[in-house]
C-alpha atoms as a PDB file:
ATOM      1  CA  MET A   1      11.689-226.330 -43.772  1.00  0.00           C
ATOM      2  CA  ASP A   2      13.442-227.315 -40.559  1.00  0.00           C
ATOM      3  CA  GLN A   3      13.120-223.761 -39.192  1.00  0.00           C
ATOM      4  CA  ILE A   4       9.353-223.756 -39.726  1.00  0.00           C
ATOM      5  CA  GLN A   5       9.017-227.014 -37.816  1.00  0.00           C
ATOM      6  CA  GLN A   6      10.965-225.443 -34.983  1.00  0.00           C
ATOM      7  CA  PHE A   7       8.432-222.606 -34.607  1.00  0.00           C
ATOM      8  CA  LEU A   8       5.350-224.711 -35.308  1.00  0.00           C
ATOM      9  CA  PRO A   9       4.621-225.472 -31.605  1.00  0.00           C
ATOM     10  CA  PHE A  10       4.723-221.746 -30.759  1.00  0.00           C
ATOM     11  CA  ILE A  11       2.417-220.920 -33.653  1.00  0.00           C
ATOM     12  CA  LEU A  12      -0.016-223.637 -32.581  1.00  0.00           C
ATOM     13  CA  ILE A  13       0.016-222.399 -28.976  1.00  0.00           C
ATOM     14  CA  PHE A  14      -0.791-218.880 -30.168  1.00  0.00           C
ATOM     15  CA  VAL A  15      -3.645-220.115 -32.375  1.00  0.00           C
ATOM     16  CA  VAL A  16      -5.135-222.158 -29.528  1.00  0.00           C
ATOM     17  CA  MET A  17      -4.830-219.200 -27.120  1.00  0.00           C
ATOM     18  CA  TYR A  18      -6.519-216.926 -29.648  1.00  0.00           C
ATOM     19  CA  PHE A  19      -9.535-219.183 -30.169  1.00  0.00           C
ATOM     20  CA  PHE A  20      -9.986-220.204 -26.525  1.00  0.00           C
ATOM     21  CA  MET A  21      -9.054-217.004 -24.671  1.00  0.00           C
ATOM     22  CA  ILE A  22      -8.737-213.840 -26.761  1.00  0.00           C
ATOM     23  CA  ARG A  23     -11.623-214.216 -29.230  1.00  0.00           C
ATOM     24  CA  PRO A  24     -14.309-215.081 -26.613  1.00  0.00           C
ATOM     25  CA  GLN A  25     -13.261-212.051 -24.533  1.00  0.00           C
ATOM     26  CA  MET A  26     -13.548-209.793 -27.587  1.00  0.00           C
ATOM     27  CA  GLN A  27     -17.018-211.155 -28.362  1.00  0.00           C
ATOM     28  CA  LYS A  28     -18.139-210.681 -24.753  1.00  0.00           C
ATOM     29  CA  ALA A  29     -16.865-207.087 -24.720  1.00  0.00           C
ATOM     30  CA  LYS A  30     -18.695-206.356 -27.982  1.00  0.00           C
ATOM     31  CA  LYS A  31     -21.924-207.843 -26.576  1.00  0.00           C
ATOM     32  CA  GLU A  32     -21.644-205.774 -23.364  1.00  0.00           C
ATOM     33  CA  LYS A  33     -21.000-202.586 -25.340  1.00  0.00           C
ATOM     34  CA  LYS A  34     -24.085-203.204 -27.481  1.00  0.00           C
ATOM     35  CA  PHE A  35     -26.121-203.927 -24.328  1.00  0.00           C
ATOM     36  CA  THR A  36     -25.140-200.612 -22.706  1.00  0.00           C
ATOM     37  CA  GLU A  37     -25.873-198.717 -25.930  1.00  0.00           C
ATOM     38  CA  ASP A  38     -29.340-200.296 -26.227  1.00  0.00           C
ATOM     39  CA  LEU A  39     -30.442-199.394 -22.679  1.00  0.00           C
ATOM     40  CA  LYS A  40     -33.548-197.229 -22.513  1.00  0.00           C
ATOM     41  CA  LYS A  41     -35.728-195.626 -19.859  1.00  0.00           C
ATOM     42  CA  GLY A  42     -37.875-198.111 -17.985  1.00  0.00           C
ATOM     43  CA  ASP A  43     -35.543-201.117 -18.462  1.00  0.00           C
ATOM     44  CA  ARG A  44     -35.151-203.283 -15.371  1.00  0.00           C
ATOM     45  CA  VAL A  45     -31.462-203.817 -14.629  1.00  0.00           C
ATOM     46  CA  VAL A  46     -29.110-205.285 -12.052  1.00  0.00           C
ATOM     47  CA  THR A  47     -25.733-203.723 -11.292  1.00  0.00           C
ATOM     48  CA  LYS A  48     -22.591-205.807 -10.869  1.00  0.00           C
ATOM     49  CA  SER A  49     -22.836-205.168  -7.129  1.00  0.00           C
ATOM     50  CA  GLY A  50     -26.351-206.670  -7.070  1.00  0.00           C
ATOM     51  CA  LEU A  51     -28.562-203.564  -6.916  1.00  0.00           C
ATOM     52  CA  HIS A  52     -31.923-204.111  -8.659  1.00  0.00           C
ATOM     53  CA  GLY A  53     -33.776-201.191 -10.159  1.00  0.00           C
ATOM     54  CA  LYS A  54     -35.365-199.537 -13.151  1.00  0.00           C
ATOM     55  CA  ILE A  55     -33.643-197.007 -15.402  1.00  0.00           C
ATOM     56  CA  PHE A  56     -35.038-193.569 -14.660  1.00  0.00           C
ATOM     57  CA  ASP A  57     -32.804-191.353 -16.803  1.00  0.00           C
ATOM     58  CA  PHE A  58     -29.372-191.029 -18.426  1.00  0.00           C
ATOM     59  CA  SER A  59     -26.552-188.602 -17.727  1.00  0.00           C
ATOM     60  CA  GLU A  60     -24.719-188.379 -21.055  1.00  0.00           C
ATOM     61  CA  LYS A  61     -21.994-186.008 -19.856  1.00  0.00           C
ATOM     62  CA  ASN A  62     -20.942-188.489 -17.127  1.00  0.00           C
ATOM     63  CA  ASN A  63     -21.706-191.603 -19.223  1.00  0.00           C
ATOM     64  CA  ALA A  64     -23.934-192.665 -16.339  1.00  0.00           C
ATOM     65  CA  VAL A  65     -27.414-193.956 -15.732  1.00  0.00           C
ATOM     66  CA  ILE A  66     -29.844-192.961 -12.983  1.00  0.00           C
ATOM     67  CA  ILE A  67     -31.492-196.041 -11.471  1.00  0.00           C
ATOM     68  CA  GLU A  68     -34.722-195.830  -9.512  1.00  0.00           C
ATOM     69  CA  THR A  69     -34.851-198.259  -6.587  1.00  0.00           C
ATOM     70  CA  GLY A  70     -37.029-198.690  -3.530  1.00  0.00           C
ATOM     71  CA  ALA A  71     -34.575-196.521  -1.604  1.00  0.00           C
ATOM     72  CA  GLY A  72     -34.544-193.662  -4.121  1.00  0.00           C
ATOM     73  CA  LYS A  73     -32.624-192.704  -7.214  1.00  0.00           C
ATOM     74  CA  LEU A  74     -28.958-193.615  -7.563  1.00  0.00           C
ATOM     75  CA  THR A  75     -26.421-192.741 -10.267  1.00  0.00           C
ATOM     76  CA  TYR A  76     -24.146-195.481 -11.636  1.00  0.00           C
ATOM     77  CA  ASP A  77     -21.729-195.711 -14.537  1.00  0.00           C
ATOM     78  CA  LYS A  78     -23.150-197.570 -17.505  1.00  0.00           C
ATOM     79  CA  SER A  79     -20.295-200.044 -17.162  1.00  0.00           C
ATOM     80  CA  ALA A  80     -21.577-201.018 -13.693  1.00  0.00           C
ATOM     81  CA  ILE A  81     -24.687-202.659 -15.160  1.00  0.00           C
ATOM     82  CA  SER A  82     -24.374-206.422 -15.466  1.00  0.00           C
ATOM     83  CA  LEU A  83     -25.376-207.950 -18.795  1.00  0.00           C
ATOM     84  CA  GLU A  84     -25.846-211.495 -17.495  1.00  0.00           C
ATOM     85  CA  MET A  85     -27.798-210.635 -14.346  1.00  0.00           C
ATOM     86  CA  SER A  86     -30.014-208.108 -16.159  1.00  0.00           C
ATOM     87  CA  GLN A  87     -30.855-210.685 -18.828  1.00  0.00           C
ATOM     88  CA  LYS A  88     -31.750-213.242 -16.139  1.00  0.00           C
ATOM     89  CA  LEU A  89     -33.970-210.670 -14.417  1.00  0.00           C
ATOM     90  CA  ASN A  90     -35.863-209.900 -17.625  1.00  0.00           C
ATOM     91  CA  GLN A  91     -36.346-213.523 -18.732  1.00  0.00           C
ATOM     92  CA  PRO A  92     -39.887-214.799 -18.408  1.00  0.00           C
ATOM     93  CA  ALA A  93     -40.294-217.038 -15.377  1.00  0.00           C
ATOM     94  CA  THR A  94     -40.250-220.723 -16.270  1.00  0.00           C
ATOM     95  CA  THR A  95     -42.338-223.141 -14.324  1.00  0.00           C
ATOM     96  CA  LYS A  96     -40.690-226.277 -12.957  1.00  0.00           C
ATOM     97  CA  LYS A  97     -42.489-229.569 -13.305  1.00  0.00           C
END
């Protein structure tokens, strides 16, 4: 029983790290993967570098997406599309009172 009490602080630290650091990262990664899989032609997106555009086509062999912008068509990896910024772009505008 004394040996278990010795390791109890380490076990508690691991449990706290899991629930506050590891698990949220796993959930975020799962959400981003689902987002990239659900992309379709015509979706308005924002890349992580801040480029706004509309999805024109997909390049499955390169795992890339072709984005149509005001400057032309650009090819980006699917992983370069930002989940948070794209969701903010597609939210309906709220009016401030």
